[in-house]
Amino acid sequence: MHLARKARACFAKAVELDPSNVAALSDLARYDMQAPALLGGGKKKARDIIARVLALDPARGHVLMGELAERDKNWSEAEAEYRRAIAAAPADVRGRLALSALLVARKSYADARRVWTEALELDPGSAVADYEMAGIALASNEDLVAAVRGLEQALARPPHPDGPSPAALHERLALVYEKLGQKREAAAELQTALALEPGRADWVKRLARLEK
């Protein structure tokens, strides 16, 4: 509890030093929406901070409003807020990631796919869209072959600093191959992922299982 209060004090100090720092404001809002009043948080405080974010960066503000609605289990309002975030900044993936995650959690797979189909229309080379489409394929157990193609295309392009890493793309491709029953291909992709990020103990365990 002591460390939680210190954490909030640090977020608040960052905002005090730079009142227009959207990242610091967002961190403070997320703390307040999750922490009880006993630890200095509270939804009223969160809403006040989010109002400041909305004025500076509407897309990020609407994402925060959606997260707050999700905490209240107000799914329809959360979806509406995430769609407002996308409308405010169509090329910013934050709103799309939040909306897609909500739709997948609600098993609205077709709607989730549309989120990323629209993103690919804006940016046909979006590795984030290919990565997330593959995640939807894994969750729904549909369009797995198309997911393979999308991930292979993403891997053929130069890595984007804001997109998934090559290791993450290979790891997700391994999951898709495994879902398709192609264990040898899955193992090969996971080996490549581990060569790029050797410290992943969870991947090592999965590879051992695939190679049995």
N, C-alpha and C. Protein backbone atom coordinates (compact mmCIF):
# COMPACT_ATOMS: atom_id res chain seq x y z
N MET A 1 0.83 -1.21 0.00
CA MET A 1 0.00 0.00 0.00
C MET A 1 0.86 1.26 0.00
N HIS A 2 1.95 1.20 0.75
CA HIS A 2 2.86 2.35 0.80
C HIS A 2 3.44 2.62 -0.58
N LEU A 3 3.85 1.55 -1.27
CA LEU A 3 4.44 1.70 -2.61
C LEU A 3 3.40 2.20 -3.61
N ALA A 4 2.15 1.77 -3.45
CA ALA A 4 1.10 2.24 -4.36
C ALA A 4 0.93 3.75 -4.22
N ARG A 5 0.89 4.24 -2.99
CA ARG A 5 0.76 5.68 -2.79
C ARG A 5 1.96 6.43 -3.36
N LYS A 6 3.16 5.85 -3.20
CA LYS A 6 4.35 6.48 -3.76
C LYS A 6 4.27 6.52 -5.29
N ALA A 7 3.73 5.46 -5.86
CA ALA A 7 3.59 5.42 -7.32
C ALA A 7 2.68 6.54 -7.80
N ARG A 8 1.55 6.71 -7.11
CA ARG A 8 0.64 7.79 -7.52
C ARG A 8 1.30 9.15 -7.35
N ALA A 9 2.06 9.32 -6.30
CA ALA A 9 2.75 10.59 -6.08
C ALA A 9 3.72 10.88 -7.22
N CYS A 10 4.37 9.84 -7.72
CA CYS A 10 5.30 10.03 -8.84
C CYS A 10 4.55 10.42 -10.11
N PHE A 11 3.43 9.73 -10.40
CA PHE A 11 2.62 10.11 -11.57
C PHE A 11 2.15 11.56 -11.44
N ALA A 12 1.66 11.93 -10.25
CA ALA A 12 1.16 13.28 -10.03
C ALA A 12 2.27 14.32 -10.18
N LYS A 13 3.48 13.98 -9.72
CA LYS A 13 4.61 14.90 -9.84
C LYS A 13 4.98 15.09 -11.31
N ALA A 14 4.93 14.03 -12.08
CA ALA A 14 5.23 14.14 -13.51
C ALA A 14 4.24 15.07 -14.19
N VAL A 15 2.97 14.97 -13.82
CA VAL A 15 1.94 15.84 -14.39
C VAL A 15 2.15 17.28 -13.93
N GLU A 16 2.56 17.45 -12.68
CA GLU A 16 2.82 18.80 -12.17
C GLU A 16 3.97 19.46 -12.93
N LEU A 17 5.00 18.67 -13.23
CA LEU A 17 6.16 19.21 -13.93
C LEU A 17 5.86 19.52 -15.40
N ASP A 18 4.97 18.72 -15.99
CA ASP A 18 4.62 18.93 -17.40
C ASP A 18 3.13 18.65 -17.57
N PRO A 19 2.29 19.66 -17.34
CA PRO A 19 0.83 19.47 -17.37
C PRO A 19 0.29 19.03 -18.73
N SER A 20 1.08 19.19 -19.79
CA SER A 20 0.61 18.79 -21.12
C SER A 20 1.16 17.44 -21.57
N ASN A 21 1.82 16.73 -20.65
CA ASN A 21 2.39 15.42 -20.97
C ASN A 21 1.27 14.38 -20.96
N VAL A 22 0.83 13.99 -22.16
CA VAL A 22 -0.32 13.09 -22.26
C VAL A 22 -0.01 11.71 -21.68
N ALA A 23 1.22 11.24 -21.87
CA ALA A 23 1.58 9.93 -21.32
C ALA A 23 1.49 9.93 -19.80
N ALA A 24 2.00 10.99 -19.16
CA ALA A 24 1.95 11.07 -17.70
C ALA A 24 0.51 11.19 -17.21
N LEU A 25 -0.29 12.00 -17.89
CA LEU A 25 -1.71 12.13 -17.54
C LEU A 25 -2.43 10.79 -17.68
N SER A 26 -2.12 10.06 -18.74
CA SER A 26 -2.77 8.77 -18.97
C SER A 26 -2.40 7.77 -17.88
N ASP A 27 -1.13 7.77 -17.48
CA ASP A 27 -0.70 6.86 -16.40
C ASP A 27 -1.42 7.21 -15.10
N LEU A 28 -1.55 8.50 -14.82
CA LEU A 28 -2.23 8.91 -13.60
C LEU A 28 -3.71 8.53 -13.66
N ALA A 29 -4.34 8.72 -14.80
CA ALA A 29 -5.76 8.35 -14.95
C ALA A 29 -5.95 6.85 -14.76
N ARG A 30 -5.05 6.05 -15.33
CA ARG A 30 -5.18 4.59 -15.19
C ARG A 30 -4.99 4.16 -13.73
N TYR A 31 -4.06 4.82 -13.02
CA TYR A 31 -3.91 4.51 -11.60
C TYR A 31 -5.21 4.81 -10.88
N ASP A 32 -5.76 6.01 -11.11
CA ASP A 32 -6.95 6.43 -10.37
C ASP A 32 -8.16 5.57 -10.69
N MET A 33 -8.28 5.09 -11.92
CA MET A 33 -9.45 4.27 -12.25
C MET A 33 -9.36 2.87 -11.65
N GLN A 34 -8.14 2.44 -11.31
CA GLN A 34 -7.96 1.10 -10.76
C GLN A 34 -7.84 1.08 -9.24
N ALA A 35 -7.28 2.13 -8.68
CA ALA A 35 -7.01 2.12 -7.24
C ALA A 35 -8.20 2.67 -6.45
N PRO A 36 -8.45 2.12 -5.27
CA PRO A 36 -9.53 2.65 -4.42
C PRO A 36 -9.12 3.97 -3.78
N ALA A 37 -10.10 4.66 -3.19
CA ALA A 37 -9.83 5.94 -2.54
C ALA A 37 -8.77 5.79 -1.44
N LEU A 38 -8.75 4.63 -0.78
CA LEU A 38 -7.78 4.37 0.28
C LEU A 38 -6.36 4.55 -0.21
N LEU A 39 -6.12 4.27 -1.51
CA LEU A 39 -4.79 4.39 -2.09
C LEU A 39 -4.66 5.64 -2.96
N GLY A 40 -5.56 6.58 -2.77
CA GLY A 40 -5.47 7.84 -3.48
C GLY A 40 -6.15 7.88 -4.82
N GLY A 41 -6.77 6.77 -5.21
CA GLY A 41 -7.42 6.72 -6.51
C GLY A 41 -8.90 7.06 -6.44
N GLY A 42 -9.63 6.62 -7.44
CA GLY A 42 -11.06 6.88 -7.48
C GLY A 42 -11.50 7.26 -8.89
N LYS A 43 -12.69 6.83 -9.27
CA LYS A 43 -13.16 7.07 -10.63
C LYS A 43 -13.43 8.55 -10.90
N LYS A 44 -13.85 9.30 -9.87
CA LYS A 44 -14.07 10.74 -10.06
C LYS A 44 -12.75 11.42 -10.42
N LYS A 45 -11.70 11.08 -9.72
CA LYS A 45 -10.39 11.63 -10.04
C LYS A 45 -9.97 11.23 -11.45
N ALA A 46 -10.23 9.97 -11.79
CA ALA A 46 -9.85 9.49 -13.13
C ALA A 46 -10.57 10.29 -14.21
N ARG A 47 -11.85 10.52 -14.01
CA ARG A 47 -12.62 11.28 -15.01
C ARG A 47 -12.08 12.70 -15.17
N ASP A 48 -11.68 13.32 -14.08
CA ASP A 48 -11.14 14.67 -14.16
C ASP A 48 -9.84 14.69 -14.96
N ILE A 49 -8.99 13.69 -14.74
CA ILE A 49 -7.73 13.61 -15.49
C ILE A 49 -8.01 13.29 -16.96
N ILE A 50 -8.95 12.40 -17.21
CA ILE A 50 -9.26 12.03 -18.59
C ILE A 50 -9.79 13.23 -19.36
N ALA A 51 -10.53 14.10 -18.70
CA ALA A 51 -11.01 15.31 -19.37
C ALA A 51 -9.84 16.14 -19.88
N ARG A 52 -8.76 16.18 -19.13
CA ARG A 52 -7.56 16.91 -19.58
C ARG A 52 -6.91 16.20 -20.76
N VAL A 53 -6.89 14.87 -20.73
CA VAL A 53 -6.32 14.12 -21.85
C VAL A 53 -7.15 14.35 -23.11
N LEU A 54 -8.47 14.34 -22.97
CA LEU A 54 -9.36 14.55 -24.12
C LEU A 54 -9.07 15.89 -24.80
N ALA A 55 -8.77 16.90 -24.01
CA ALA A 55 -8.49 18.22 -24.58
C ALA A 55 -7.17 18.25 -25.34
N LEU A 56 -6.22 17.42 -24.90
CA LEU A 56 -4.90 17.40 -25.52
C LEU A 56 -4.78 16.39 -26.65
N ASP A 57 -5.39 15.23 -26.46
CA ASP A 57 -5.29 14.13 -27.43
C ASP A 57 -6.60 13.36 -27.39
N PRO A 58 -7.58 13.75 -28.21
CA PRO A 58 -8.91 13.11 -28.14
C PRO A 58 -8.87 11.60 -28.29
N ALA A 59 -8.03 11.09 -29.17
CA ALA A 59 -8.00 9.63 -29.38
C ALA A 59 -7.62 8.91 -28.09
N ARG A 60 -6.56 9.36 -27.43
CA ARG A 60 -6.13 8.71 -26.19
C ARG A 60 -7.14 8.94 -25.09
N GLY A 61 -7.78 10.09 -25.09
CA GLY A 61 -8.81 10.34 -24.08
C GLY A 61 -9.99 9.40 -24.22
N HIS A 62 -10.42 9.16 -25.45
CA HIS A 62 -11.55 8.25 -25.66
C HIS A 62 -11.17 6.81 -25.30
N VAL A 63 -9.93 6.43 -25.55
CA VAL A 63 -9.48 5.09 -25.13
C VAL A 63 -9.59 4.97 -23.61
N LEU A 64 -9.15 5.99 -22.90
CA LEU A 64 -9.24 5.95 -21.43
C LEU A 64 -10.69 5.90 -20.97
N MET A 65 -11.56 6.66 -21.63
CA MET A 65 -12.98 6.60 -21.28
C MET A 65 -13.54 5.20 -21.52
N GLY A 66 -13.08 4.55 -22.59
CA GLY A 66 -13.51 3.18 -22.86
C GLY A 66 -13.03 2.22 -21.79
N GLU A 67 -11.79 2.40 -21.35
CA GLU A 67 -11.26 1.53 -20.28
C GLU A 67 -12.06 1.71 -19.00
N LEU A 68 -12.44 2.95 -18.71
CA LEU A 68 -13.24 3.22 -17.52
C LEU A 68 -14.61 2.56 -17.65
N ALA A 69 -15.21 2.63 -18.83
CA ALA A 69 -16.50 1.98 -19.06
C ALA A 69 -16.38 0.47 -18.91
N GLU A 70 -15.28 -0.10 -19.39
CA GLU A 70 -15.08 -1.55 -19.23
C GLU A 70 -15.00 -1.93 -17.76
N ARG A 71 -14.36 -1.10 -16.95
CA ARG A 71 -14.27 -1.41 -15.53
C ARG A 71 -15.64 -1.42 -14.88
N ASP A 72 -16.56 -0.64 -15.46
CA ASP A 72 -17.95 -0.64 -14.97
C ASP A 72 -18.81 -1.70 -15.68
N LYS A 73 -18.14 -2.51 -16.53
CA LYS A 73 -18.84 -3.54 -17.31
C LYS A 73 -19.93 -2.95 -18.22
N ASN A 74 -19.70 -1.73 -18.64
CA ASN A 74 -20.60 -1.07 -19.58
C ASN A 74 -20.02 -1.27 -20.98
N TRP A 75 -20.28 -2.46 -21.53
CA TRP A 75 -19.62 -2.87 -22.77
C TRP A 75 -20.01 -1.98 -23.95
N SER A 76 -21.27 -1.61 -24.05
CA SER A 76 -21.71 -0.80 -25.19
C SER A 76 -21.07 0.58 -25.17
N GLU A 77 -20.95 1.16 -23.98
CA GLU A 77 -20.31 2.47 -23.88
C GLU A 77 -18.81 2.37 -24.16
N ALA A 78 -18.20 1.29 -23.70
CA ALA A 78 -16.78 1.08 -23.98
C ALA A 78 -16.55 0.99 -25.49
N GLU A 79 -17.38 0.20 -26.17
CA GLU A 79 -17.24 0.08 -27.62
C GLU A 79 -17.41 1.43 -28.30
N ALA A 80 -18.41 2.20 -27.85
CA ALA A 80 -18.65 3.52 -28.44
C ALA A 80 -17.44 4.44 -28.25
N GLU A 81 -16.83 4.39 -27.07
CA GLU A 81 -15.67 5.24 -26.81
C GLU A 81 -14.48 4.84 -27.68
N TYR A 82 -14.27 3.54 -27.84
CA TYR A 82 -13.16 3.10 -28.68
C TYR A 82 -13.39 3.49 -30.14
N ARG A 83 -14.65 3.43 -30.58
CA ARG A 83 -14.94 3.86 -31.95
C ARG A 83 -14.73 5.37 -32.10
N ARG A 84 -15.02 6.13 -31.05
CA ARG A 84 -14.73 7.57 -31.09
C ARG A 84 -13.22 7.82 -31.18
N ALA A 85 -12.45 6.99 -30.49
CA ALA A 85 -10.99 7.12 -30.56
C ALA A 85 -10.50 6.88 -31.98
N ILE A 86 -11.04 5.86 -32.64
CA ILE A 86 -10.64 5.56 -34.02
C ILE A 86 -11.05 6.70 -34.94
N ALA A 87 -12.25 7.22 -34.75
CA ALA A 87 -12.72 8.33 -35.60
C ALA A 87 -11.83 9.56 -35.41
N ALA A 88 -11.34 9.77 -34.19
CA ALA A 88 -10.51 10.94 -33.91
C ALA A 88 -9.13 10.81 -34.54
N ALA A 89 -8.62 9.58 -34.65
CA ALA A 89 -7.27 9.37 -35.21
C ALA A 89 -7.24 7.99 -35.87
N PRO A 90 -7.73 7.88 -37.10
CA PRO A 90 -7.85 6.57 -37.77
C PRO A 90 -6.53 5.81 -37.90
N ALA A 91 -5.42 6.53 -38.01
CA ALA A 91 -4.13 5.86 -38.18
C ALA A 91 -3.49 5.45 -36.86
N ASP A 92 -4.02 5.91 -35.74
CA ASP A 92 -3.49 5.56 -34.42
C ASP A 92 -4.06 4.20 -34.02
N VAL A 93 -3.18 3.25 -33.70
CA VAL A 93 -3.66 1.88 -33.44
C VAL A 93 -4.24 1.72 -32.04
N ARG A 94 -4.08 2.69 -31.14
CA ARG A 94 -4.55 2.50 -29.76
C ARG A 94 -6.04 2.19 -29.71
N GLY A 95 -6.83 2.98 -30.40
CA GLY A 95 -8.27 2.74 -30.40
C GLY A 95 -8.63 1.41 -31.02
N ARG A 96 -7.95 1.07 -32.11
CA ARG A 96 -8.22 -0.21 -32.78
C ARG A 96 -7.85 -1.40 -31.89
N LEU A 97 -6.71 -1.31 -31.22
CA LEU A 97 -6.30 -2.39 -30.33
C LEU A 97 -7.32 -2.59 -29.21
N ALA A 98 -7.76 -1.49 -28.61
CA ALA A 98 -8.72 -1.58 -27.51
C ALA A 98 -10.05 -2.12 -27.98
N LEU A 99 -10.53 -1.62 -29.12
CA LEU A 99 -11.82 -2.08 -29.64
C LEU A 99 -11.75 -3.54 -30.04
N SER A 100 -10.68 -3.93 -30.72
CA SER A 100 -10.53 -5.31 -31.16
C SER A 100 -10.49 -6.27 -29.96
N ALA A 101 -9.74 -5.89 -28.92
CA ALA A 101 -9.66 -6.74 -27.73
C ALA A 101 -11.03 -6.91 -27.09
N LEU A 102 -11.78 -5.82 -27.02
CA LEU A 102 -13.13 -5.90 -26.45
C LEU A 102 -14.03 -6.81 -27.28
N LEU A 103 -14.00 -6.66 -28.59
CA LEU A 103 -14.85 -7.46 -29.48
C LEU A 103 -14.48 -8.94 -29.42
N VAL A 104 -13.19 -9.23 -29.37
CA VAL A 104 -12.75 -10.63 -29.26
C VAL A 104 -13.20 -11.22 -27.93
N ALA A 105 -13.06 -10.45 -26.86
CA ALA A 105 -13.51 -10.93 -25.55
C ALA A 105 -15.01 -11.20 -25.54
N ARG A 106 -15.76 -10.44 -26.33
CA ARG A 106 -17.21 -10.63 -26.45
C ARG A 106 -17.58 -11.62 -27.56
N LYS A 107 -16.53 -12.23 -28.18
CA LYS A 107 -16.69 -13.21 -29.26
C LYS A 107 -17.37 -12.62 -30.51
N SER A 108 -17.22 -11.32 -30.69
CA SER A 108 -17.72 -10.65 -31.90
C SER A 108 -16.59 -10.62 -32.94
N TYR A 109 -16.24 -11.82 -33.43
CA TYR A 109 -15.04 -11.96 -34.26
C TYR A 109 -15.16 -11.23 -35.59
N ALA A 110 -16.32 -11.27 -36.23
CA ALA A 110 -16.48 -10.61 -37.52
C ALA A 110 -16.28 -9.10 -37.38
N ASP A 111 -16.84 -8.53 -36.31
CA ASP A 111 -16.66 -7.10 -36.07
C ASP A 111 -15.20 -6.77 -35.79
N ALA A 112 -14.52 -7.65 -35.05
CA ALA A 112 -13.11 -7.43 -34.76
C ALA A 112 -12.28 -7.45 -36.04
N ARG A 113 -12.61 -8.38 -36.94
CA ARG A 113 -11.88 -8.43 -38.22
C ARG A 113 -12.07 -7.13 -39.01
N ARG A 114 -13.28 -6.61 -38.97
CA ARG A 114 -13.54 -5.37 -39.72
C ARG A 114 -12.67 -4.22 -39.22
N VAL A 115 -12.39 -4.21 -37.92
CA VAL A 115 -11.52 -3.17 -37.36
C VAL A 115 -10.18 -3.15 -38.08
N TRP A 116 -9.63 -4.34 -38.34
CA TRP A 116 -8.30 -4.43 -38.94
C TRP A 116 -8.35 -4.43 -40.46
N THR A 117 -9.46 -4.85 -41.03
CA THR A 117 -9.63 -4.71 -42.49
C THR A 117 -9.60 -3.23 -42.86
N GLU A 118 -10.27 -2.41 -42.06
CA GLU A 118 -10.26 -0.96 -42.28
C GLU A 118 -8.84 -0.41 -42.11
N ALA A 119 -8.10 -0.93 -41.13
CA ALA A 119 -6.73 -0.47 -40.91
C ALA A 119 -5.85 -0.81 -42.11
N LEU A 120 -6.06 -2.00 -42.69
CA LEU A 120 -5.27 -2.40 -43.86
C LEU A 120 -5.63 -1.58 -45.09
N GLU A 121 -6.85 -1.09 -45.16
CA GLU A 121 -7.22 -0.19 -46.25
C GLU A 121 -6.47 1.13 -46.14
N LEU A 122 -6.25 1.59 -44.91
CA LEU A 122 -5.50 2.82 -44.69
C LEU A 122 -4.01 2.60 -44.90
N ASP A 123 -3.52 1.45 -44.45
CA ASP A 123 -2.09 1.13 -44.53
C ASP A 123 -1.94 -0.35 -44.88
N PRO A 124 -1.85 -0.67 -46.20
CA PRO A 124 -1.78 -2.07 -46.62
C PRO A 124 -0.56 -2.82 -46.05
N GLY A 125 0.43 -2.09 -45.58
CA GLY A 125 1.62 -2.75 -45.03
C GLY A 125 1.65 -2.79 -43.52
N SER A 126 0.49 -2.70 -42.87
CA SER A 126 0.44 -2.65 -41.41
C SER A 126 0.72 -4.01 -40.78
N ALA A 127 1.88 -4.15 -40.16
CA ALA A 127 2.20 -5.40 -39.47
C ALA A 127 1.32 -5.59 -38.25
N VAL A 128 0.92 -4.47 -37.61
CA VAL A 128 0.02 -4.56 -36.46
C VAL A 128 -1.29 -5.22 -36.88
N ALA A 129 -1.84 -4.79 -38.03
CA ALA A 129 -3.10 -5.36 -38.51
C ALA A 129 -2.95 -6.85 -38.80
N ASP A 130 -1.86 -7.23 -39.47
CA ASP A 130 -1.63 -8.66 -39.77
C ASP A 130 -1.51 -9.47 -38.48
N TYR A 131 -0.79 -8.92 -37.51
CA TYR A 131 -0.58 -9.61 -36.23
C TYR A 131 -1.90 -9.78 -35.49
N GLU A 132 -2.70 -8.72 -35.46
CA GLU A 132 -3.97 -8.78 -34.74
C GLU A 132 -4.99 -9.66 -35.47
N MET A 133 -4.98 -9.63 -36.79
CA MET A 133 -5.88 -10.52 -37.55
C MET A 133 -5.56 -11.98 -37.25
N ALA A 134 -4.27 -12.28 -37.10
CA ALA A 134 -3.87 -13.65 -36.75
C ALA A 134 -4.36 -13.99 -35.35
N GLY A 135 -4.32 -13.03 -34.44
CA GLY A 135 -4.83 -13.26 -33.09
C GLY A 135 -6.32 -13.56 -33.09
N ILE A 136 -7.06 -12.86 -33.94
CA ILE A 136 -8.49 -13.13 -34.06
C ILE A 136 -8.73 -14.51 -34.65
N ALA A 137 -7.91 -14.88 -35.63
CA ALA A 137 -8.02 -16.22 -36.22
C ALA A 137 -7.79 -17.30 -35.17
N LEU A 138 -6.81 -17.10 -34.30
CA LEU A 138 -6.54 -18.07 -33.24
C LEU A 138 -7.69 -18.14 -32.24
N ALA A 139 -8.26 -16.99 -31.90
CA ALA A 139 -9.36 -16.97 -30.93
C ALA A 139 -10.62 -17.61 -31.49
N SER A 140 -10.86 -17.39 -32.78
CA SER A 140 -12.10 -17.87 -33.40
C SER A 140 -11.95 -19.23 -34.07
N ASN A 141 -10.69 -19.65 -34.25
CA ASN A 141 -10.40 -20.90 -34.99
C ASN A 141 -10.92 -20.82 -36.43
N GLU A 142 -10.84 -19.63 -37.00
CA GLU A 142 -11.28 -19.37 -38.37
C GLU A 142 -10.19 -18.60 -39.12
N ASP A 143 -10.18 -18.76 -40.45
CA ASP A 143 -9.28 -17.99 -41.32
C ASP A 143 -7.81 -18.20 -40.95
N LEU A 144 -7.46 -19.40 -40.53
CA LEU A 144 -6.09 -19.66 -40.09
C LEU A 144 -5.09 -19.62 -41.25
N VAL A 145 -5.51 -20.11 -42.41
CA VAL A 145 -4.60 -20.10 -43.57
C VAL A 145 -4.33 -18.65 -44.00
N ALA A 146 -5.37 -17.83 -43.99
CA ALA A 146 -5.19 -16.40 -44.30
C ALA A 146 -4.27 -15.74 -43.28
N ALA A 147 -4.35 -16.19 -42.03
CA ALA A 147 -3.47 -15.64 -40.98
C ALA A 147 -2.01 -15.96 -41.28
N VAL A 148 -1.76 -17.17 -41.77
CA VAL A 148 -0.39 -17.54 -42.15
C VAL A 148 0.12 -16.58 -43.23
N ARG A 149 -0.69 -16.35 -44.24
CA ARG A 149 -0.28 -15.46 -45.33
C ARG A 149 0.00 -14.05 -44.82
N GLY A 150 -0.87 -13.55 -43.96
CA GLY A 150 -0.69 -12.21 -43.44
C GLY A 150 0.59 -12.07 -42.63
N LEU A 151 0.87 -13.05 -41.77
CA LEU A 151 2.09 -13.00 -40.96
C LEU A 151 3.34 -13.14 -41.82
N GLU A 152 3.29 -13.98 -42.84
CA GLU A 152 4.44 -14.12 -43.73
C GLU A 152 4.70 -12.82 -44.49
N GLN A 153 3.63 -12.14 -44.90
CA GLN A 153 3.79 -10.85 -45.57
C GLN A 153 4.39 -9.82 -44.62
N ALA A 154 3.95 -9.84 -43.37
CA ALA A 154 4.48 -8.90 -42.38
C ALA A 154 5.97 -9.15 -42.15
N LEU A 155 6.37 -10.42 -42.12
CA LEU A 155 7.77 -10.76 -41.90
C LEU A 155 8.64 -10.41 -43.10
N ALA A 156 8.04 -10.35 -44.28
CA ALA A 156 8.80 -10.02 -45.49
C ALA A 156 9.10 -8.53 -45.59
N ARG A 157 8.38 -7.72 -44.80
CA ARG A 157 8.60 -6.28 -44.84
C ARG A 157 9.58 -5.86 -43.75
N PRO A 158 10.26 -4.73 -43.92
CA PRO A 158 11.15 -4.23 -42.86
C PRO A 158 10.36 -3.98 -41.57
N PRO A 159 10.93 -4.30 -40.42
CA PRO A 159 10.22 -4.08 -39.14
C PRO A 159 9.88 -2.61 -38.95
N HIS A 160 8.70 -2.37 -38.37
CA HIS A 160 8.28 -1.00 -38.06
C HIS A 160 8.48 -0.77 -36.57
N PRO A 161 9.04 0.38 -36.18
CA PRO A 161 9.31 0.61 -34.75
C PRO A 161 8.06 0.55 -33.87
N ASP A 162 6.89 0.86 -34.43
CA ASP A 162 5.66 0.83 -33.64
C ASP A 162 4.88 -0.48 -33.80
N GLY A 163 5.43 -1.41 -34.58
CA GLY A 163 4.74 -2.67 -34.82
C GLY A 163 5.30 -3.80 -33.99
N PRO A 164 4.74 -5.00 -34.13
CA PRO A 164 5.27 -6.16 -33.41
C PRO A 164 6.68 -6.49 -33.88
N SER A 165 7.49 -7.00 -32.99
CA SER A 165 8.87 -7.36 -33.34
C SER A 165 8.87 -8.58 -34.25
N PRO A 166 9.94 -8.81 -35.02
CA PRO A 166 10.03 -10.04 -35.80
C PRO A 166 9.85 -11.29 -34.95
N ALA A 167 10.39 -11.28 -33.73
CA ALA A 167 10.24 -12.43 -32.84
C ALA A 167 8.77 -12.67 -32.52
N ALA A 168 8.04 -11.59 -32.24
CA ALA A 168 6.61 -11.73 -31.93
C ALA A 168 5.84 -12.27 -33.12
N LEU A 169 6.20 -11.82 -34.33
CA LEU A 169 5.53 -12.31 -35.54
C LEU A 169 5.80 -13.81 -35.73
N HIS A 170 7.05 -14.22 -35.56
CA HIS A 170 7.37 -15.64 -35.69
C HIS A 170 6.66 -16.48 -34.63
N GLU A 171 6.59 -15.95 -33.41
CA GLU A 171 5.92 -16.69 -32.33
C GLU A 171 4.43 -16.86 -32.63
N ARG A 172 3.81 -15.81 -33.14
CA ARG A 172 2.38 -15.92 -33.47
C ARG A 172 2.17 -16.85 -34.64
N LEU A 173 3.09 -16.83 -35.59
CA LEU A 173 2.99 -17.76 -36.72
C LEU A 173 3.12 -19.20 -36.22
N ALA A 174 3.98 -19.41 -35.23
CA ALA A 174 4.10 -20.75 -34.63
C ALA A 174 2.78 -21.20 -34.03
N LEU A 175 2.08 -20.28 -33.35
CA LEU A 175 0.78 -20.61 -32.76
C LEU A 175 -0.23 -21.00 -33.84
N VAL A 176 -0.22 -20.26 -34.95
CA VAL A 176 -1.16 -20.56 -36.03
C VAL A 176 -0.85 -21.92 -36.65
N TYR A 177 0.42 -22.18 -36.90
CA TYR A 177 0.79 -23.49 -37.45
C TYR A 177 0.40 -24.62 -36.50
N GLU A 178 0.61 -24.40 -35.21
CA GLU A 178 0.23 -25.42 -34.24
C GLU A 178 -1.28 -25.66 -34.26
N LYS A 179 -2.06 -24.58 -34.38
CA LYS A 179 -3.51 -24.72 -34.46
C LYS A 179 -3.93 -25.49 -35.71
N LEU A 180 -3.14 -25.34 -36.77
CA LEU A 180 -3.42 -26.06 -38.02
C LEU A 180 -2.93 -27.52 -37.97
N GLY A 181 -2.27 -27.89 -36.88
CA GLY A 181 -1.76 -29.25 -36.74
C GLY A 181 -0.42 -29.47 -37.40
N GLN A 182 0.27 -28.38 -37.80
CA GLN A 182 1.56 -28.49 -38.47
C GLN A 182 2.68 -28.25 -37.44
N LYS A 183 2.96 -29.29 -36.65
CA LYS A 183 3.87 -29.14 -35.52
C LYS A 183 5.31 -28.85 -35.96
N ARG A 184 5.74 -29.45 -37.06
CA ARG A 184 7.11 -29.21 -37.51
C ARG A 184 7.31 -27.75 -37.90
N GLU A 185 6.35 -27.20 -38.65
CA GLU A 185 6.44 -25.79 -39.03
C GLU A 185 6.34 -24.88 -37.80
N ALA A 186 5.48 -25.27 -36.86
CA ALA A 186 5.34 -24.49 -35.63
C ALA A 186 6.66 -24.45 -34.86
N ALA A 187 7.32 -25.62 -34.77
CA ALA A 187 8.59 -25.69 -34.06
C ALA A 187 9.65 -24.83 -34.75
N ALA A 188 9.67 -24.86 -36.06
CA ALA A 188 10.67 -24.07 -36.80
C ALA A 188 10.46 -22.57 -36.55
N GLU A 189 9.21 -22.12 -36.55
CA GLU A 189 8.94 -20.71 -36.31
C GLU A 189 9.31 -20.32 -34.88
N LEU A 190 9.05 -21.22 -33.93
CA LEU A 190 9.37 -20.91 -32.54
C LEU A 190 10.88 -20.89 -32.33
N GLN A 191 11.60 -21.76 -33.03
CA GLN A 191 13.07 -21.73 -32.97
C GLN A 191 13.60 -20.39 -33.46
N THR A 192 13.01 -19.89 -34.54
CA THR A 192 13.43 -18.60 -35.08
C THR A 192 13.13 -17.49 -34.09
N ALA A 193 11.95 -17.54 -33.48
CA ALA A 193 11.59 -16.54 -32.48
C ALA A 193 12.58 -16.55 -31.32
N LEU A 194 12.96 -17.73 -30.88
CA LEU A 194 13.89 -17.85 -29.75
C LEU A 194 15.29 -17.39 -30.13
N ALA A 195 15.66 -17.58 -31.37
CA ALA A 195 16.97 -17.08 -31.82
C ALA A 195 17.01 -15.56 -31.75
N LEU A 196 15.86 -14.93 -31.98
CA LEU A 196 15.78 -13.47 -31.93
C LEU A 196 15.62 -12.95 -30.51
N GLU A 197 14.90 -13.72 -29.67
CA GLU A 197 14.69 -13.34 -28.26
C GLU A 197 14.95 -14.57 -27.39
N PRO A 198 16.22 -14.88 -27.12
CA PRO A 198 16.55 -16.14 -26.44
C PRO A 198 16.13 -16.24 -24.98
N GLY A 199 15.71 -15.17 -24.38
CA GLY A 199 15.40 -15.21 -22.95
C GLY A 199 14.01 -15.66 -22.59
N ARG A 200 13.21 -16.12 -23.55
CA ARG A 200 11.81 -16.43 -23.29
C ARG A 200 11.64 -17.88 -22.81
N ALA A 201 11.57 -18.06 -21.49
CA ALA A 201 11.44 -19.40 -20.92
C ALA A 201 10.13 -20.06 -21.34
N ASP A 202 9.06 -19.27 -21.50
CA ASP A 202 7.78 -19.85 -21.90
C ASP A 202 7.84 -20.41 -23.31
N TRP A 203 8.59 -19.74 -24.19
CA TRP A 203 8.75 -20.25 -25.55
C TRP A 203 9.59 -21.53 -25.55
N VAL A 204 10.60 -21.57 -24.69
CA VAL A 204 11.45 -22.77 -24.59
C VAL A 204 10.60 -23.97 -24.20
N LYS A 205 9.69 -23.80 -23.23
CA LYS A 205 8.82 -24.89 -22.81
C LYS A 205 7.90 -25.34 -23.93
N ARG A 206 7.35 -24.37 -24.66
CA ARG A 206 6.47 -24.72 -25.78
C ARG A 206 7.23 -25.47 -26.86
N LEU A 207 8.45 -25.04 -27.14
CA LEU A 207 9.26 -25.70 -28.17
C LEU A 207 9.57 -27.14 -27.76
N ALA A 208 9.88 -27.35 -26.50
CA ALA A 208 10.16 -28.72 -26.02
C ALA A 208 8.93 -29.60 -26.21
N ARG A 209 7.75 -29.05 -25.96
CA ARG A 209 6.52 -29.81 -26.14
C ARG A 209 6.28 -30.13 -27.62
N LEU A 210 6.55 -29.15 -28.49
CA LEU A 210 6.34 -29.36 -29.93
C LEU A 210 7.32 -30.40 -30.50
N GLU A 211 8.51 -30.46 -29.93
CA GLU A 211 9.55 -31.34 -30.48
C GLU A 211 9.49 -32.75 -29.93
N LYS A 212 8.55 -33.03 -29.05
CA LYS A 212 8.42 -34.39 -28.50
C LYS A 212 7.99 -35.37 -29.58
